Amino acid sequence: MIAIMAIGSTGCYGIGASNMNLGFLGYPIPVSPYFQHKQEEKFWKKERYDRVPILGPTTSGGTAVALDPPSDDEVMHALESARPVQGGIPLIWETQRNNVRIIKEKIADYVDPPRFYPLIGPAQLHHAHYKCSIYFDEKTIIGYPVPHTLHDRDAIEVVYIDHNHFHMVGDVEPYTTPNL
């Protein structure tokens, strides 16, 4: 009996305390690579672009300069969100972007007055707004019902990207509790 339990609890089909289960009745359920790619892309964006850094204090007398402009990768992710290319059906409908040129312009750069932020403390929020113009050739290949190809050689898309980060400050007015 012990030998049968030992053999039966090896691998993925165990009846141990952790009770690892791969699916209905312990059988694995296949997951489409599409969903795996979506989750990896979501994690990539969160790790690289959705976090707000906290920097040291700004120097007195000088103007605060924003961090680096958006990277080409960040601009292409924003373009993909606005005008998706992924998800076509091979040999039936596909879209391609070729000869991509990106122009980045800073349209605003300002710092908010100091205030107290929960979990951070006294800080100033620094805003930087960028206008990114993307010029590309778009090629759409349609294979059904009548095969043909559409070329848009002068495609233009404008994407606005905001970069925000905090600058630590010294003491700010102490928080006063309202009288109730």
C-alpha atoms as a PDB file:
ATOM      1  CA  MET A   1       0.000   0.000   0.000  1.00  0.00           C
ATOM      2  CA  ILE A   2       2.846   2.400   0.867  1.00  0.00           C
ATOM      3  CA  ALA A   3       4.609   1.582  -2.423  1.00  0.00           C
ATOM      4  CA  ILE A   4       1.428   2.341  -4.415  1.00  0.00           C
ATOM      5  CA  MET A   5       1.010   5.696  -2.603  1.00  0.00           C
ATOM      6  CA  ALA A   6       4.687   6.551  -3.210  1.00  0.00           C
ATOM      7  CA  ILE A   7       4.418   5.782  -6.937  1.00  0.00           C
ATOM      8  CA  GLY A   8       1.044   7.524  -7.222  1.00  0.00           C
ATOM      9  CA  SER A   9       2.258  10.707  -5.548  1.00  0.00           C
ATOM     10  CA  THR A  10       5.276  11.280  -7.807  1.00  0.00           C
ATOM     11  CA  GLY A  11       5.250  13.775 -10.647  1.00  0.00           C
ATOM     12  CA  CYS A  12       2.269  16.031 -11.288  1.00  0.00           C
ATOM     13  CA  TYR A  13      -0.421  13.732  -9.962  1.00  0.00           C
ATOM     14  CA  GLY A  14       0.464  13.853  -6.269  1.00  0.00           C
ATOM     15  CA  ILE A  15      -1.913  13.646  -3.341  1.00  0.00           C
ATOM     16  CA  GLY A  16       0.386  15.492  -0.950  1.00  0.00           C
ATOM     17  CA  ALA A  17      -0.107  18.468   1.342  1.00  0.00           C
ATOM     18  CA  SER A  18       0.626  21.019  -1.385  1.00  0.00           C
ATOM     19  CA  ASN A  19      -2.110  19.542  -3.616  1.00  0.00           C
ATOM     20  CA  MET A  20      -0.643  20.896  -6.863  1.00  0.00           C
ATOM     21  CA  ASN A  21      -3.322  20.626  -9.504  1.00  0.00           C
ATOM     22  CA  LEU A  22      -2.852  21.283 -13.215  1.00  0.00           C
ATOM     23  CA  GLY A  23      -6.457  21.278 -14.284  1.00  0.00           C
ATOM     24  CA  PHE A  24      -9.698  19.343 -14.194  1.00  0.00           C
ATOM     25  CA  LEU A  25      -9.028  15.944 -12.580  1.00  0.00           C
ATOM     26  CA  GLY A  26      -5.300  16.707 -12.551  1.00  0.00           C
ATOM     27  CA  TYR A  27      -4.804  16.853 -16.313  1.00  0.00           C
ATOM     28  CA  PRO A  28      -2.978  19.797 -17.853  1.00  0.00           C
ATOM     29  CA  ILE A  29      -4.993  22.418 -19.717  1.00  0.00           C
ATOM     30  CA  PRO A  30      -3.234  23.902 -22.773  1.00  0.00           C
ATOM     31  CA  VAL A  31      -2.859  27.694 -22.790  1.00  0.00           C
ATOM     32  CA  SER A  32      -2.618  29.626 -26.027  1.00  0.00           C
ATOM     33  CA  PRO A  33       0.687  31.440 -26.628  1.00  0.00           C
ATOM     34  CA  TYR A  34      -1.408  34.558 -27.314  1.00  0.00           C
ATOM     35  CA  PHE A  35      -2.476  34.793 -23.645  1.00  0.00           C
ATOM     36  CA  GLN A  36       1.045  34.068 -22.426  1.00  0.00           C
ATOM     37  CA  HIS A  37       2.410  36.847 -24.663  1.00  0.00           C
ATOM     38  CA  LYS A  38      -0.251  39.277 -23.380  1.00  0.00           C
ATOM     39  CA  GLN A  39       0.718  38.574 -19.753  1.00  0.00           C
ATOM     40  CA  GLU A  40       4.439  38.924 -20.497  1.00  0.00           C
ATOM     41  CA  GLU A  41       3.827  42.229 -22.306  1.00  0.00           C
ATOM     42  CA  LYS A  42       1.696  43.499 -19.404  1.00  0.00           C
ATOM     43  CA  PHE A  43       4.489  42.639 -16.946  1.00  0.00           C
ATOM     44  CA  TRP A  44       7.095  44.288 -19.221  1.00  0.00           C
ATOM     45  CA  LYS A  45       5.114  47.545 -19.348  1.00  0.00           C
ATOM     46  CA  LYS A  46       4.542  47.562 -15.582  1.00  0.00           C
ATOM     47  CA  GLU A  47       8.186  46.849 -14.821  1.00  0.00           C
ATOM     48  CA  ARG A  48       9.637  49.450 -17.196  1.00  0.00           C
ATOM     49  CA  TYR A  49       7.110  52.247 -17.676  1.00  0.00           C
ATOM     50  CA  ASP A  50       4.328  52.241 -15.065  1.00  0.00           C
ATOM     51  CA  ARG A  51       6.455  52.984 -12.020  1.00  0.00           C
ATOM     52  CA  VAL A  52       7.112  56.514 -10.794  1.00  0.00           C
ATOM     53  CA  PRO A  53      10.685  57.018  -9.526  1.00  0.00           C
ATOM     54  CA  ILE A  54      11.494  59.116  -6.463  1.00  0.00           C
ATOM     55  CA  LEU A  55      14.584  61.258  -7.030  1.00  0.00           C
ATOM     56  CA  GLY A  56      16.595  63.498  -4.753  1.00  0.00           C
ATOM     57  CA  PRO A  57      15.729  67.146  -4.160  1.00  0.00           C
ATOM     58  CA  THR A  58      16.016  69.701  -6.945  1.00  0.00           C
ATOM     59  CA  THR A  59      18.941  72.100  -6.769  1.00  0.00           C
ATOM     60  CA  SER A  60      18.137  75.593  -5.579  1.00  0.00           C
ATOM     61  CA  GLY A  61      18.194  78.351  -8.177  1.00  0.00           C
ATOM     62  CA  GLY A  62      18.316  75.987 -11.172  1.00  0.00           C
ATOM     63  CA  THR A  63      15.468  74.702 -13.260  1.00  0.00           C
ATOM     64  CA  ALA A  64      14.519  71.083 -12.855  1.00  0.00           C
ATOM     65  CA  VAL A  65      15.092  69.126 -16.040  1.00  0.00           C
ATOM     66  CA  ALA A  66      12.968  66.075 -16.813  1.00  0.00           C
ATOM     67  CA  LEU A  67      14.350  62.584 -17.101  1.00  0.00           C
ATOM     68  CA  ASP A  68      15.203  61.074 -20.452  1.00  0.00           C
ATOM     69  CA  PRO A  69      12.643  61.340 -23.257  1.00  0.00           C
ATOM     70  CA  PRO A  70      10.570  58.245 -23.994  1.00  0.00           C
ATOM     71  CA  SER A  71      12.493  55.378 -25.539  1.00  0.00           C
ATOM     72  CA  ASP A  72      11.635  54.036 -28.989  1.00  0.00           C
ATOM     73  CA  ASP A  73      10.362  50.867 -27.310  1.00  0.00           C
ATOM     74  CA  GLU A  74       7.951  52.868 -25.147  1.00  0.00           C
ATOM     75  CA  VAL A  75       6.731  54.829 -28.182  1.00  0.00           C
ATOM     76  CA  MET A  76       6.133  51.622 -30.154  1.00  0.00           C
ATOM     77  CA  HIS A  77       4.216  50.077 -27.219  1.00  0.00           C
ATOM     78  CA  ALA A  78       2.007  53.184 -27.089  1.00  0.00           C
ATOM     79  CA  LEU A  79       1.496  52.995 -30.863  1.00  0.00           C
ATOM     80  CA  GLU A  80       0.576  49.317 -30.610  1.00  0.00           C
ATOM     81  CA  SER A  81      -2.040  50.187 -27.978  1.00  0.00           C
ATOM     82  CA  ALA A  82      -3.500  52.924 -30.195  1.00  0.00           C
ATOM     83  CA  ARG A  83      -3.249  51.143 -33.554  1.00  0.00           C
ATOM     84  CA  PRO A  84      -2.657  47.391 -33.088  1.00  0.00           C
ATOM     85  CA  VAL A  85      -0.863  45.258 -35.644  1.00  0.00           C
ATOM     86  CA  GLN A  86      -0.692  42.063 -33.607  1.00  0.00           C
ATOM     87  CA  GLY A  87      -3.504  39.561 -33.861  1.00  0.00           C
ATOM     88  CA  GLY A  88      -3.761  39.109 -37.619  1.00  0.00           C
ATOM     89  CA  ILE A  89      -4.508  35.712 -39.144  1.00  0.00           C
ATOM     90  CA  PRO A  90      -1.573  34.418 -41.204  1.00  0.00           C
ATOM     91  CA  LEU A  91      -2.310  34.023 -44.937  1.00  0.00           C
ATOM     92  CA  ILE A  92      -5.763  35.590 -44.456  1.00  0.00           C
ATOM     93  CA  TRP A  93      -5.130  39.048 -42.956  1.00  0.00           C
ATOM     94  CA  GLU A  94      -1.824  40.521 -41.783  1.00  0.00           C
ATOM     95  CA  THR A  95      -0.513  44.037 -41.195  1.00  0.00           C
ATOM     96  CA  GLN A  96       3.112  45.179 -41.208  1.00  0.00           C
ATOM     97  CA  ARG A  97       4.874  48.425 -40.321  1.00  0.00           C
ATOM     98  CA  ASN A  98       8.064  49.222 -42.221  1.00  0.00           C
ATOM     99  CA  ASN A  99      10.489  52.177 -42.365  1.00  0.00           C
ATOM    100  CA  VAL A 100       9.464  53.537 -38.962  1.00  0.00           C
ATOM    101  CA  ARG A 101      10.737  57.041 -38.090  1.00  0.00           C
ATOM    102  CA  ILE A 102      10.057  58.583 -34.676  1.00  0.00           C
ATOM    103  CA  ILE A 103      10.263  62.287 -33.797  1.00  0.00           C
ATOM    104  CA  LYS A 104       9.973  63.220 -30.100  1.00  0.00           C
ATOM    105  CA  GLU A 105       9.151  66.750 -28.938  1.00  0.00           C
ATOM    106  CA  LYS A 106       8.900  67.952 -25.344  1.00  0.00           C
ATOM    107  CA  ILE A 107       5.718  70.044 -25.078  1.00  0.00           C
ATOM    108  CA  ALA A 108       5.646  70.694 -21.325  1.00  0.00           C
ATOM    109  CA  ASP A 109       8.022  70.405 -18.368  1.00  0.00           C
ATOM    110  CA  TYR A 110       6.890  71.715 -14.978  1.00  0.00           C
ATOM    111  CA  VAL A 111       7.087  70.944 -11.266  1.00  0.00           C
ATOM    112  CA  ASP A 112       4.136  71.055  -8.868  1.00  0.00           C
ATOM    113  CA  PRO A 113       4.505  72.848  -5.514  1.00  0.00           C
ATOM    114  CA  PRO A 114       5.649  70.688  -2.586  1.00  0.00           C
ATOM    115  CA  ARG A 115       3.043  68.681  -0.731  1.00  0.00           C
ATOM    116  CA  PHE A 116       2.771  65.591   1.420  1.00  0.00           C
ATOM    117  CA  TYR A 117       2.157  62.289  -0.406  1.00  0.00           C
ATOM    118  CA  PRO A 118       1.142  59.202   1.568  1.00  0.00           C
ATOM    119  CA  LEU A 119       3.817  56.455   1.632  1.00  0.00           C
ATOM    120  CA  ILE A 120       6.372  58.925   0.183  1.00  0.00           C
ATOM    121  CA  GLY A 121       6.382  61.950   2.443  1.00  0.00           C
ATOM    122  CA  PRO A 122       6.973  65.545   1.377  1.00  0.00           C
ATOM    123  CA  ALA A 123       7.746  65.684  -2.342  1.00  0.00           C
ATOM    124  CA  GLN A 124       7.209  67.581  -5.572  1.00  0.00           C
ATOM    125  CA  LEU A 125       5.684  65.950  -8.634  1.00  0.00           C
ATOM    126  CA  HIS A 126       7.634  66.688 -11.815  1.00  0.00           C
ATOM    127  CA  HIS A 127       5.641  66.425 -15.061  1.00  0.00           C
ATOM    128  CA  ALA A 128       7.094  66.048 -18.559  1.00  0.00           C
ATOM    129  CA  HIS A 129       4.792  65.719 -21.572  1.00  0.00           C
ATOM    130  CA  TYR A 130       6.069  64.518 -24.930  1.00  0.00           C
ATOM    131  CA  LYS A 131       4.523  64.514 -28.393  1.00  0.00           C
ATOM    132  CA  CYS A 132       5.843  61.595 -30.451  1.00  0.00           C
ATOM    133  CA  SER A 133       5.150  61.650 -34.196  1.00  0.00           C
ATOM    134  CA  ILE A 134       5.585  58.270 -35.871  1.00  0.00           C
ATOM    135  CA  TYR A 135       5.977  58.058 -39.643  1.00  0.00           C
ATOM    136  CA  PHE A 136       5.814  54.594 -41.214  1.00  0.00           C
ATOM    137  CA  ASP A 137       4.789  52.551 -44.244  1.00  0.00           C
ATOM    138  CA  GLU A 138       1.836  50.297 -43.464  1.00  0.00           C
ATOM    139  CA  LYS A 139       1.270  47.196 -45.561  1.00  0.00           C
ATOM    140  CA  THR A 140      -1.933  45.175 -45.153  1.00  0.00           C
ATOM    141  CA  ILE A 141      -1.982  41.758 -46.828  1.00  0.00           C
ATOM    142  CA  ILE A 142      -5.437  40.288 -47.357  1.00  0.00           C
ATOM    143  CA  GLY A 143      -5.594  36.691 -48.593  1.00  0.00           C
ATOM    144  CA  TYR A 144      -9.310  35.896 -48.506  1.00  0.00           C
ATOM    145  CA  PRO A 145     -11.749  36.088 -50.327  1.00  0.00           C
ATOM    146  CA  VAL A 146      -9.841  38.037 -52.990  1.00  0.00           C
ATOM    147  CA  PRO A 147      -6.075  38.213 -52.370  1.00  0.00           C
ATOM    148  CA  HIS A 148      -4.714  41.748 -52.504  1.00  0.00           C
ATOM    149  CA  THR A 149      -2.267  44.053 -50.722  1.00  0.00           C
ATOM    150  CA  LEU A 150      -2.889  47.578 -49.478  1.00  0.00           C
ATOM    151  CA  HIS A 151       0.078  49.966 -49.131  1.00  0.00           C
ATOM    152  CA  ASP A 152      -0.125  53.153 -47.077  1.00  0.00           C
ATOM    153  CA  ARG A 153       3.279  54.699 -47.707  1.00  0.00           C
ATOM    154  CA  ASP A 154       2.611  57.921 -45.795  1.00  0.00           C
ATOM    155  CA  ALA A 155       1.037  56.720 -42.547  1.00  0.00           C
ATOM    156  CA  ILE A 156       1.400  59.105 -39.600  1.00  0.00           C
ATOM    157  CA  GLU A 157       0.359  58.562 -36.002  1.00  0.00           C
ATOM    158  CA  VAL A 158       0.835  60.945 -33.068  1.00  0.00           C
ATOM    159  CA  VAL A 159       1.169  59.548 -29.559  1.00  0.00           C
ATOM    160  CA  TYR A 160       1.364  61.634 -26.367  1.00  0.00           C
ATOM    161  CA  ILE A 161       3.457  60.196 -23.537  1.00  0.00           C
ATOM    162  CA  ASP A 162       3.649  61.589 -20.003  1.00  0.00           C
ATOM    163  CA  HIS A 163       6.660  61.023 -17.765  1.00  0.00           C
ATOM    164  CA  ASN A 164       6.151  61.828 -14.097  1.00  0.00           C
ATOM    165  CA  HIS A 165       8.581  61.452 -11.242  1.00  0.00           C
ATOM    166  CA  PHE A 166       8.915  62.750  -7.706  1.00  0.00           C
ATOM    167  CA  HIS A 167      11.583  64.976  -6.159  1.00  0.00           C
ATOM    168  CA  MET A 168      12.007  64.732  -2.396  1.00  0.00           C
ATOM    169  CA  VAL A 169      11.692  67.980  -0.423  1.00  0.00           C
ATOM    170  CA  GLY A 170      12.473  69.090   3.106  1.00  0.00           C
ATOM    171  CA  ASP A 171       9.733  69.832   5.615  1.00  0.00           C
ATOM    172  CA  VAL A 172       6.334  70.821   4.301  1.00  0.00           C
ATOM    173  CA  GLU A 173       3.559  72.315   6.414  1.00  0.00           C
ATOM    174  CA  PRO A 174       2.579  69.718   8.975  1.00  0.00           C
ATOM    175  CA  TYR A 175      -0.696  68.007   8.347  1.00  0.00           C
ATOM    176  CA  THR A 176      -3.474  69.371  10.522  1.00  0.00           C
ATOM    177  CA  THR A 177      -6.280  67.128  11.653  1.00  0.00           C
ATOM    178  CA  PRO A 178      -9.692  68.671  10.994  1.00  0.00           C
ATOM    179  CA  ASN A 179     -11.938  69.231  14.014  1.00  0.00           C
ATOM    180  CA  LEU A 180     -15.010  67.040  13.826  1.00  0.00           C
END
